[in-house]
Structure formats: C-alpha cells, structure tokens
C-alpha cells in the first residue's frame, strides 16, 4: 500500500513540474500590449500567416517584394521561405 501511495505522489509531483513550463514562459516569449505593438512597424502583419492563432515575433521575418512577412517561430520562417508568395498573400491579403 505504501508503494502505491508513494508512486502516486511522485506522479503528481512530476506533473506539477512539467506543467509549470507552459503559460508563464509563453507570456514572456512575446511582449504584450503596447510593447508588442511598438516592436512591429506600422502595417506589419500581427499574426503568423502559417499559424494564424499565434502572434508574430518582431525579430523573425522573411523579406518578399521589399516587405517583411513576420512569423512566430523559426519553423514557420522556413515554411515561408519555401513559398513566400503564398504566405505573403495570407499575411497581407494581397
């Protein structure tokens, strides 16, 4: 019986440590509110064209037709580089 209780306690403790990483770190990943808006130039896409539910990282972009297509992560940047015309249209509606 002690073994079952100890095992359960270990799993609960491990779950707490694993779960701590999500929301707190994510809030730091992207600036929010005014800071975030100031980091992007006027007219820039605010949401990632590849993953539209994610805000862009102002330091990550791919240049196409003299304009920057901002993305949320390196993986999305690679996808945009493969076919920038498609992602440009999604980002800017052109």
PDB file of N, CA and C in Angstrom:
ATOM      1  N   UNK A   1       0.818  -1.200   0.000  1.00  0.00           N
ATOM      2  CA  UNK A   1       0.000   0.000   0.000  1.00  0.00           C
ATOM      3  C   UNK A   1       0.862   1.264   0.000  1.00  0.00           C
ATOM      4  N   UNK A   2       1.949   1.241   0.785  1.00  0.00           N
ATOM      5  CA  UNK A   2       2.839   2.398   0.819  1.00  0.00           C
ATOM      6  C   UNK A   2       3.423   2.672  -0.569  1.00  0.00           C
ATOM      7  N   UNK A   3       3.710   1.605  -1.304  1.00  0.00           N
ATOM      8  CA  UNK A   3       4.280   1.742  -2.642  1.00  0.00           C
ATOM      9  C   UNK A   3       3.341   2.463  -3.591  1.00  0.00           C
ATOM     10  N   UNK A   4       2.056   2.158  -3.506  1.00  0.00           N
ATOM     11  CA  UNK A   4       1.066   2.798  -4.372  1.00  0.00           C
ATOM     12  C   UNK A   4       0.950   4.283  -4.034  1.00  0.00           C
ATOM     13  N   UNK A   5       0.910   4.600  -2.753  1.00  0.00           N
ATOM     14  CA  UNK A   5       0.803   5.992  -2.323  1.00  0.00           C
ATOM     15  C   UNK A   5       2.045   6.777  -2.753  1.00  0.00           C
ATOM     16  N   UNK A   6       3.219   6.189  -2.572  1.00  0.00           N
ATOM     17  CA  UNK A   6       4.466   6.851  -2.951  1.00  0.00           C
ATOM     18  C   UNK A   6       4.533   7.068  -4.463  1.00  0.00           C
ATOM     19  N   UNK A   7       4.153   6.056  -5.220  1.00  0.00           N
ATOM     20  CA  UNK A   7       4.163   6.167  -6.678  1.00  0.00           C
ATOM     21  C   UNK A   7       3.203   7.261  -7.143  1.00  0.00           C
ATOM     22  N   UNK A   8       2.013   7.296  -6.574  1.00  0.00           N
ATOM     23  CA  UNK A   8       1.031   8.318  -6.923  1.00  0.00           C
ATOM     24  C   UNK A   8       1.560   9.713  -6.598  1.00  0.00           C
ATOM     25  N   UNK A   9       2.167   9.865  -5.438  1.00  0.00           N
ATOM     26  CA  UNK A   9       2.724  11.160  -5.034  1.00  0.00           C
ATOM     27  C   UNK A   9       3.819  11.611  -5.998  1.00  0.00           C
ATOM     28  N   UNK A  10       4.648  10.676  -6.444  1.00  0.00           N
ATOM     29  CA  UNK A  10       5.714  11.014  -7.384  1.00  0.00           C
ATOM     30  C   UNK A  10       5.149  11.476  -8.724  1.00  0.00           C
ATOM     31  N   UNK A  11       4.111  10.795  -9.203  1.00  0.00           N
ATOM     32  CA  UNK A  11       3.500  11.198 -10.468  1.00  0.00           C
ATOM     33  C   UNK A  11       2.848  12.579 -10.363  1.00  0.00           C
ATOM     34  N   UNK A  12       2.203  12.857  -9.258  1.00  0.00           N
ATOM     35  CA  UNK A  12       1.581  14.170  -9.057  1.00  0.00           C
ATOM     36  C   UNK A  12       2.653  15.259  -9.026  1.00  0.00           C
ATOM     37  N   UNK A  13       3.728  15.015  -8.293  1.00  0.00           N
ATOM     38  CA  UNK A  13       4.822  15.991  -8.210  1.00  0.00           C
ATOM     39  C   UNK A  13       5.459  16.211  -9.581  1.00  0.00           C
ATOM     40  N   UNK A  14       5.672  15.133 -10.324  1.00  0.00           N
ATOM     41  CA  UNK A  14       6.264  15.250 -11.661  1.00  0.00           C
ATOM     42  C   UNK A  14       5.342  16.052 -12.581  1.00  0.00           C
ATOM     43  N   UNK A  15       4.050  15.833 -12.477  1.00  0.00           N
ATOM     44  CA  UNK A  15       3.085  16.569 -13.289  1.00  0.00           C
ATOM     45  C   UNK A  15       3.108  18.060 -13.004  1.00  0.00           C
ATOM     46  N   UNK A  16       3.302  18.426 -11.755  1.00  0.00           N
ATOM     47  CA  UNK A  16       3.386  19.842 -11.403  1.00  0.00           C
ATOM     48  C   UNK A  16       4.603  20.500 -12.029  1.00  0.00           C
ATOM     49  N   UNK A  17       5.732  19.808 -12.014  1.00  0.00           N
ATOM     50  CA  UNK A  17       6.947  20.373 -12.596  1.00  0.00           C
ATOM     51  C   UNK A  17       6.848  20.480 -14.112  1.00  0.00           C
ATOM     52  N   UNK A  18       6.270  19.498 -14.746  1.00  0.00           N
ATOM     53  CA  UNK A  18       6.135  19.518 -16.204  1.00  0.00           C
ATOM     54  C   UNK A  18       5.166  20.614 -16.623  1.00  0.00           C
ATOM     55  N   UNK A  19       4.078  20.781 -15.916  1.00  0.00           N
ATOM     56  CA  UNK A  19       3.065  21.767 -16.252  1.00  0.00           C
ATOM     57  C   UNK A  19       3.475  23.201 -15.997  1.00  0.00           C
ATOM     58  N   UNK A  20       4.467  23.436 -15.181  1.00  0.00           N
ATOM     59  CA  UNK A  20       4.888  24.796 -14.835  1.00  0.00           C
ATOM     60  C   UNK A  20       5.475  25.547 -16.013  1.00  0.00           C
ATOM     61  N   UNK A  21       5.895  24.880 -17.029  1.00  0.00           N
ATOM     62  CA  UNK A  21       6.600  25.489 -18.147  1.00  0.00           C
ATOM     63  C   UNK A  21       5.683  26.240 -19.105  1.00  0.00           C
ATOM     64  N   UNK A  22       4.429  25.889 -19.194  1.00  0.00           N
ATOM     65  CA  UNK A  22       3.584  26.359 -20.283  1.00  0.00           C
ATOM     66  C   UNK A  22       3.232  27.843 -20.267  1.00  0.00           C
ATOM     67  N   UNK A  23       2.283  28.268 -19.488  1.00  0.00           N
ATOM     68  CA  UNK A  23       1.750  29.622 -19.584  1.00  0.00           C
ATOM     69  C   UNK A  23       2.731  30.709 -19.162  1.00  0.00           C
ATOM     70  N   UNK A  24       3.481  30.503 -18.112  1.00  0.00           N
ATOM     71  CA  UNK A  24       4.400  31.535 -17.625  1.00  0.00           C
ATOM     72  C   UNK A  24       5.477  31.843 -18.658  1.00  0.00           C
ATOM     73  N   UNK A  25       6.068  30.814 -19.237  1.00  0.00           N
ATOM     74  CA  UNK A  25       7.109  31.032 -20.232  1.00  0.00           C
ATOM     75  C   UNK A  25       6.534  31.610 -21.512  1.00  0.00           C
ATOM     76  N   UNK A  26       5.352  31.192 -21.860  1.00  0.00           N
ATOM     77  CA  UNK A  26       4.728  31.672 -23.082  1.00  0.00           C
ATOM     78  C   UNK A  26       4.435  33.164 -23.007  1.00  0.00           C
ATOM     79  N   UNK A  27       4.088  33.637 -21.833  1.00  0.00           N
ATOM     80  CA  UNK A  27       3.820  35.063 -21.664  1.00  0.00           C
ATOM     81  C   UNK A  27       5.083  35.879 -21.891  1.00  0.00           C
ATOM     82  N   UNK A  28       6.236  35.338 -21.516  1.00  0.00           N
ATOM     83  CA  UNK A  28       7.499  36.039 -21.712  1.00  0.00           C
ATOM     84  C   UNK A  28       7.968  35.963 -23.156  1.00  0.00           C
ATOM     85  N   UNK A  29       7.550  34.939 -23.898  1.00  0.00           N
ATOM     86  CA  UNK A  29       8.001  34.745 -25.272  1.00  0.00           C
ATOM     87  C   UNK A  29       7.660  35.936 -26.147  1.00  0.00           C
ATOM     88  N   UNK A  30       6.453  36.413 -26.031  1.00  0.00           N
ATOM     89  CA  UNK A  30       6.001  37.537 -26.851  1.00  0.00           C
ATOM     90  C   UNK A  30       5.598  38.669 -25.922  1.00  0.00           C
ATOM     91  N   UNK A  31       6.030  39.864 -26.235  1.00  0.00           N
ATOM     92  CA  UNK A  31       5.614  41.022 -25.456  1.00  0.00           C
ATOM     93  C   UNK A  31       4.122  41.204 -25.649  1.00  0.00           C
ATOM     94  N   UNK A  32       3.489  41.816 -24.683  1.00  0.00           N
ATOM     95  CA  UNK A  32       2.056  42.016 -24.826  1.00  0.00           C
ATOM     96  C   UNK A  32       1.729  43.495 -24.879  1.00  0.00           C
ATOM     97  N   UNK A  33       0.550  43.804 -25.316  1.00  0.00           N
ATOM     98  CA  UNK A  33       0.032  45.156 -25.301  1.00  0.00           C
ATOM     99  C   UNK A  33       0.859  46.160 -26.073  1.00  0.00           C
ATOM    100  N   UNK A  34       1.114  47.290 -25.438  1.00  0.00           N
ATOM    101  CA  UNK A  34       1.786  48.404 -26.089  1.00  0.00           C
ATOM    102  C   UNK A  34       3.197  48.067 -26.523  1.00  0.00           C
ATOM    103  N   UNK A  35       3.956  47.370 -25.676  1.00  0.00           N
ATOM    104  CA  UNK A  35       5.331  46.996 -26.034  1.00  0.00           C
ATOM    105  C   UNK A  35       5.349  46.215 -27.338  1.00  0.00           C
ATOM    106  N   UNK A  36       4.443  45.275 -27.452  1.00  0.00           N
ATOM    107  CA  UNK A  36       4.378  44.418 -28.632  1.00  0.00           C
ATOM    108  C   UNK A  36       4.069  45.249 -29.875  1.00  0.00           C
ATOM    109  N   UNK A  37       3.100  46.128 -29.775  1.00  0.00           N
ATOM    110  CA  UNK A  37       2.710  46.954 -30.919  1.00  0.00           C
ATOM    111  C   UNK A  37       3.847  47.877 -31.347  1.00  0.00           C
ATOM    112  N   UNK A  38       4.613  48.397 -30.399  1.00  0.00           N
ATOM    113  CA  UNK A  38       5.730  49.279 -30.730  1.00  0.00           C
ATOM    114  C   UNK A  38       6.848  48.526 -31.437  1.00  0.00           C
ATOM    115  N   UNK A  39       6.985  47.247 -31.160  1.00  0.00           N
ATOM    116  CA  UNK A  39       8.075  46.466 -31.736  1.00  0.00           C
ATOM    117  C   UNK A  39       7.873  46.213 -33.228  1.00  0.00           C
ATOM    118  N   UNK A  40       6.637  46.221 -33.685  1.00  0.00           N
ATOM    119  CA  UNK A  40       6.339  45.985 -35.101  1.00  0.00           C
ATOM    120  C   UNK A  40       6.117  47.309 -35.823  1.00  0.00           C
ATOM    121  N   UNK A  41       6.615  47.423 -37.050  1.00  0.00           N
ATOM    122  CA  UNK A  41       6.356  48.654 -37.803  1.00  0.00           C
ATOM    123  C   UNK A  41       4.880  48.749 -38.201  1.00  0.00           C
ATOM    124  N   UNK A  42       4.437  49.957 -38.455  1.00  0.00           N
ATOM    125  CA  UNK A  42       3.049  50.166 -38.870  1.00  0.00           C
ATOM    126  C   UNK A  42       2.769  49.372 -40.141  1.00  0.00           C
ATOM    127  N   UNK A  43       1.625  48.729 -40.187  1.00  0.00           N
ATOM    128  CA  UNK A  43       1.229  47.963 -41.363  1.00  0.00           C
ATOM    129  C   UNK A  43       1.753  46.539 -41.404  1.00  0.00           C
ATOM    130  N   UNK A  44       2.558  46.152 -40.425  1.00  0.00           N
ATOM    131  CA  UNK A  44       3.096  44.787 -40.398  1.00  0.00           C
ATOM    132  C   UNK A  44       2.007  43.805 -39.984  1.00  0.00           C
ATOM    133  N   UNK A  45       2.140  42.567 -40.465  1.00  0.00           N
ATOM    134  CA  UNK A  45       1.179  41.548 -40.045  1.00  0.00           C
ATOM    135  C   UNK A  45       1.389  41.237 -38.560  1.00  0.00           C
ATOM    136  N   UNK A  46       0.304  41.194 -37.817  1.00  0.00           N
ATOM    137  CA  UNK A  46       0.348  40.974 -36.368  1.00  0.00           C
ATOM    138  C   UNK A  46       0.317  39.489 -35.999  1.00  0.00           C
ATOM    139  N   UNK A  47      -0.323  38.695 -36.845  1.00  0.00           N
ATOM    140  CA  UNK A  47      -0.470  37.267 -36.579  1.00  0.00           C
ATOM    141  C   UNK A  47       0.323  36.479 -37.614  1.00  0.00           C
ATOM    142  N   UNK A  48       0.828  35.332 -37.196  1.00  0.00           N
ATOM    143  CA  UNK A  48       1.635  34.492 -38.078  1.00  0.00           C
ATOM    144  C   UNK A  48       0.765  33.958 -39.222  1.00  0.00           C
ATOM    145  N   UNK A  49       1.206  34.083 -40.473  1.00  0.00           N
ATOM    146  CA  UNK A  49       0.404  33.566 -41.580  1.00  0.00           C
ATOM    147  C   UNK A  49       0.349  32.038 -41.608  1.00  0.00           C
ATOM    148  N   UNK A  50       1.353  31.377 -41.063  1.00  0.00           N
ATOM    149  CA  UNK A  50       1.393  29.914 -41.055  1.00  0.00           C
ATOM    150  C   UNK A  50       0.540  29.368 -39.916  1.00  0.00           C
ATOM    151  N   UNK A  51       0.643  29.986 -38.754  1.00  0.00           N
ATOM    152  CA  UNK A  51      -0.137  29.591 -37.575  1.00  0.00           C
ATOM    153  C   UNK A  51      -0.921  30.819 -37.113  1.00  0.00           C
ATOM    154  N   UNK A  52      -2.068  31.098 -37.732  1.00  0.00           N
ATOM    155  CA  UNK A  52      -2.797  32.348 -37.516  1.00  0.00           C
ATOM    156  C   UNK A  52      -3.249  32.617 -36.082  1.00  0.00           C
ATOM    157  N   UNK A  53      -3.225  31.621 -35.231  1.00  0.00           N
ATOM    158  CA  UNK A  53      -3.619  31.841 -33.840  1.00  0.00           C
ATOM    159  C   UNK A  53      -2.458  32.361 -32.989  1.00  0.00           C
ATOM    160  N   UNK A  54      -1.261  32.444 -33.581  1.00  0.00           N
ATOM    161  CA  UNK A  54      -0.063  32.886 -32.855  1.00  0.00           C
ATOM    162  C   UNK A  54       0.342  34.299 -33.268  1.00  0.00           C
ATOM    163  N   UNK A  55       0.699  35.119 -32.268  1.00  0.00           N
ATOM    164  CA  UNK A  55       1.256  36.441 -32.562  1.00  0.00           C
ATOM    165  C   UNK A  55       2.652  36.265 -33.133  1.00  0.00           C
ATOM    166  N   UNK A  56       3.062  37.204 -33.963  1.00  0.00           N
ATOM    167  CA  UNK A  56       4.392  37.130 -34.561  1.00  0.00           C
ATOM    168  C   UNK A  56       5.463  37.565 -33.568  1.00  0.00           C
ATOM    169  N   UNK A  57       6.677  37.125 -33.829  1.00  0.00           N
ATOM    170  CA  UNK A  57       7.854  37.563 -33.083  1.00  0.00           C
ATOM    171  C   UNK A  57       8.478  38.675 -33.926  1.00  0.00           C
ATOM    172  N   UNK A  58       8.542  39.899 -33.419  1.00  0.00           N
ATOM    173  CA  UNK A  58       9.062  41.017 -34.219  1.00  0.00           C
ATOM    174  C   UNK A  58      10.484  40.815 -34.751  1.00  0.00           C
ATOM    175  N   UNK A  59      11.219  39.881 -34.189  1.00  0.00           N
ATOM    176  CA  UNK A  59      12.590  39.651 -34.662  1.00  0.00           C
ATOM    177  C   UNK A  59      12.673  38.570 -35.740  1.00  0.00           C
ATOM    178  N   UNK A  60      11.548  37.901 -36.043  1.00  0.00           N
ATOM    179  CA  UNK A  60      11.544  36.831 -37.048  1.00  0.00           C
ATOM    180  C   UNK A  60      10.695  37.230 -38.255  1.00  0.00           C
ATOM    181  N   UNK A  61      11.335  37.308 -39.399  1.00  0.00           N
ATOM    182  CA  UNK A  61      10.606  37.661 -40.614  1.00  0.00           C
ATOM    183  C   UNK A  61      11.349  37.155 -41.842  1.00  0.00           C
ATOM    184  N   UNK A  62      10.610  37.104 -42.953  1.00  0.00           N
ATOM    185  CA  UNK A  62      11.172  36.754 -44.256  1.00  0.00           C
ATOM    186  C   UNK A  62      10.841  37.924 -45.173  1.00  0.00           C
ATOM    187  N   UNK A  63      11.813  38.415 -45.915  1.00  0.00           N
ATOM    188  CA  UNK A  63      11.567  39.531 -46.831  1.00  0.00           C
ATOM    189  C   UNK A  63      11.087  39.008 -48.176  1.00  0.00           C
ATOM    190  N   UNK A  64      10.050  39.671 -48.703  1.00  0.00           N
ATOM    191  CA  UNK A  64       9.483  39.308 -50.001  1.00  0.00           C
ATOM    192  C   UNK A  64       8.908  40.570 -50.623  1.00  0.00           C
ATOM    193  N   UNK A  65       9.285  40.852 -51.840  1.00  0.00           N
ATOM    194  CA  UNK A  65       8.816  42.049 -52.553  1.00  0.00           C
ATOM    195  C   UNK A  65       9.066  43.322 -51.742  1.00  0.00           C
ATOM    196  N   UNK A  66      10.183  43.372 -51.051  1.00  0.00           N
ATOM    197  CA  UNK A  66      10.530  44.549 -50.266  1.00  0.00           C
ATOM    198  C   UNK A  66       9.741  44.718 -48.985  1.00  0.00           C
ATOM    199  N   UNK A  67       8.923  43.738 -48.637  1.00  0.00           N
ATOM    200  CA  UNK A  67       8.121  43.802 -47.426  1.00  0.00           C
ATOM    201  C   UNK A  67       8.470  42.621 -46.530  1.00  0.00           C
ATOM    202  N   UNK A  68       8.325  42.802 -45.230  1.00  0.00           N
ATOM    203  CA  UNK A  68       8.651  41.743 -44.281  1.00  0.00           C
ATOM    204  C   UNK A  68       7.401  40.951 -43.912  1.00  0.00           C
ATOM    205  N   UNK A  69       7.522  39.631 -44.000  1.00  0.00           N
ATOM    206  CA  UNK A  69       6.456  38.733 -43.557  1.00  0.00           C
ATOM    207  C   UNK A  69       6.898  38.227 -42.193  1.00  0.00           C
ATOM    208  N   UNK A  70       6.247  38.715 -41.147  1.00  0.00           N
ATOM    209  CA  UNK A  70       6.610  38.319 -39.788  1.00  0.00           C
ATOM    210  C   UNK A  70       5.977  36.979 -39.448  1.00  0.00           C
ATOM    211  N   UNK A  71       6.703  36.170 -38.684  1.00  0.00           N
ATOM    212  CA  UNK A  71       6.247  34.840 -38.282  1.00  0.00           C
ATOM    213  C   UNK A  71       6.464  34.660 -36.782  1.00  0.00           C
ATOM    214  N   UNK A  72       5.931  33.566 -36.243  1.00  0.00           N
ATOM    215  CA  UNK A  72       6.024  33.342 -34.801  1.00  0.00           C
ATOM    216  C   UNK A  72       7.245  32.533 -34.378  1.00  0.00           C
ATOM    217  N   UNK A  73       7.835  31.748 -35.290  1.00  0.00           N
ATOM    218  CA  UNK A  73       8.947  30.880 -34.905  1.00  0.00           C
ATOM    219  C   UNK A  73       9.820  30.538 -36.119  1.00  0.00           C
ATOM    220  N   UNK A  74      10.957  29.926 -35.849  1.00  0.00           N
ATOM    221  CA  UNK A  74      11.894  29.543 -36.917  1.00  0.00           C
ATOM    222  C   UNK A  74      11.271  28.539 -37.887  1.00  0.00           C
ATOM    223  N   UNK A  75      10.485  27.622 -37.360  1.00  0.00           N
ATOM    224  CA  UNK A  75       9.851  26.602 -38.203  1.00  0.00           C
ATOM    225  C   UNK A  75       8.925  27.261 -39.234  1.00  0.00           C
ATOM    226  N   UNK A  76       8.168  28.247 -38.787  1.00  0.00           N
ATOM    227  CA  UNK A  76       7.283  28.963 -39.705  1.00  0.00           C
ATOM    228  C   UNK A  76       8.096  29.786 -40.703  1.00  0.00           C
ATOM    229  N   UNK A  77       9.205  30.354 -40.266  1.00  0.00           N
ATOM    230  CA  UNK A  77      10.067  31.124 -41.171  1.00  0.00           C
ATOM    231  C   UNK A  77      10.562  30.240 -42.311  1.00  0.00           C
ATOM    232  N   UNK A  78      10.917  29.010 -42.003  1.00  0.00           N
ATOM    233  CA  UNK A  78      11.385  28.079 -43.041  1.00  0.00           C
ATOM    234  C   UNK A  78      10.278  27.774 -44.038  1.00  0.00           C
ATOM    235  N   UNK A  79       9.051  27.615 -43.550  1.00  0.00           N
ATOM    236  CA  UNK A  79       7.930  27.346 -44.457  1.00  0.00           C
ATOM    237  C   UNK A  79       7.666  28.547 -45.361  1.00  0.00           C
ATOM    238  N   UNK A  80       7.761  29.743 -44.812  1.00  0.00           N
ATOM    239  CA  UNK A  80       7.542  30.953 -45.607  1.00  0.00           C
ATOM    240  C   UNK A  80       8.629  31.090 -46.668  1.00  0.00           C
ATOM    241  N   UNK A  81       9.862  30.778 -46.314  1.00  0.00           N
ATOM    242  CA  UNK A  81      10.967  30.855 -47.277  1.00  0.00           C
ATOM    243  C   UNK A  81      10.767  29.912 -48.462  1.00  0.00           C
ATOM    244  N   UNK A  82      10.105  28.776 -48.239  1.00  0.00           N
ATOM    245  CA  UNK A  82       9.869  27.801 -49.308  1.00  0.00           C
ATOM    246  C   UNK A  82       8.916  28.340 -50.376  1.00  0.00           C
ATOM    247  N   UNK A  83       7.910  29.104 -49.984  1.00  0.00           N
ATOM    248  CA  UNK A  83       6.931  29.646 -50.934  1.00  0.00           C
ATOM    249  C   UNK A  83       6.410  30.991 -50.418  1.00  0.00           C
ATOM    250  N   UNK A  84       7.227  32.023 -50.500  1.00  0.00           N
ATOM    251  CA  UNK A  84       6.849  33.306 -49.900  1.00  0.00           C
ATOM    252  C   UNK A  84       5.603  33.949 -50.506  1.00  0.00           C
ATOM    253  N   UNK A  85       5.322  33.710 -51.782  1.00  0.00           N
ATOM    254  CA  UNK A  85       4.152  34.333 -52.415  1.00  0.00           C
ATOM    255  C   UNK A  85       2.856  33.906 -51.730  1.00  0.00           C
ATOM    256  N   UNK A  86       2.745  32.634 -51.412  1.00  0.00           N
ATOM    257  CA  UNK A  86       1.538  32.115 -50.748  1.00  0.00           C
ATOM    258  C   UNK A  86       1.371  32.755 -49.378  1.00  0.00           C
ATOM    259  N   UNK A  87       2.455  32.796 -48.617  1.00  0.00           N
ATOM    260  CA  UNK A  87       2.381  33.300 -47.242  1.00  0.00           C
ATOM    261  C   UNK A  87       2.257  34.815 -47.201  1.00  0.00           C
ATOM    262  N   UNK A  88       2.800  35.488 -48.200  1.00  0.00           N
ATOM    263  CA  UNK A  88       2.634  36.938 -48.304  1.00  0.00           C
ATOM    264  C   UNK A  88       1.145  37.265 -48.468  1.00  0.00           C
ATOM    265  N   UNK A  89       0.491  36.524 -49.353  1.00  0.00           N
ATOM    266  CA  UNK A  89      -0.942  36.736 -49.581  1.00  0.00           C
ATOM    267  C   UNK A  89      -1.747  36.495 -48.307  1.00  0.00           C
ATOM    268  N   UNK A  90      -1.374  35.477 -47.546  1.00  0.00           N
ATOM    269  CA  UNK A  90      -2.094  35.194 -46.299  1.00  0.00           C
ATOM    270  C   UNK A  90      -1.826  36.261 -45.248  1.00  0.00           C
ATOM    271  N   UNK A  91      -0.598  36.772 -45.215  1.00  0.00           N
ATOM    272  CA  UNK A  91      -0.235  37.774 -44.214  1.00  0.00           C
ATOM    273  C   UNK A  91      -0.854  39.137 -44.503  1.00  0.00           C
ATOM    274  N   UNK A  92      -0.880  39.516 -45.776  1.00  0.00           N
ATOM    275  CA  UNK A  92      -1.312  40.864 -46.141  1.00  0.00           C
ATOM    276  C   UNK A  92      -2.587  40.915 -46.967  1.00  0.00           C
ATOM    277  N   UNK A  93      -3.141  39.758 -47.303  1.00  0.00           N
ATOM    278  CA  UNK A  93      -4.389  39.728 -48.048  1.00  0.00           C
ATOM    279  C   UNK A  93      -4.274  40.202 -49.485  1.00  0.00           C
ATOM    280  N   UNK A  94      -3.079  40.154 -50.033  1.00  0.00           N
ATOM    281  CA  UNK A  94      -2.866  40.581 -51.431  1.00  0.00           C
ATOM    282  C   UNK A  94      -2.945  39.403 -52.373  1.00  0.00           C
TER     283      UNK A  94
END
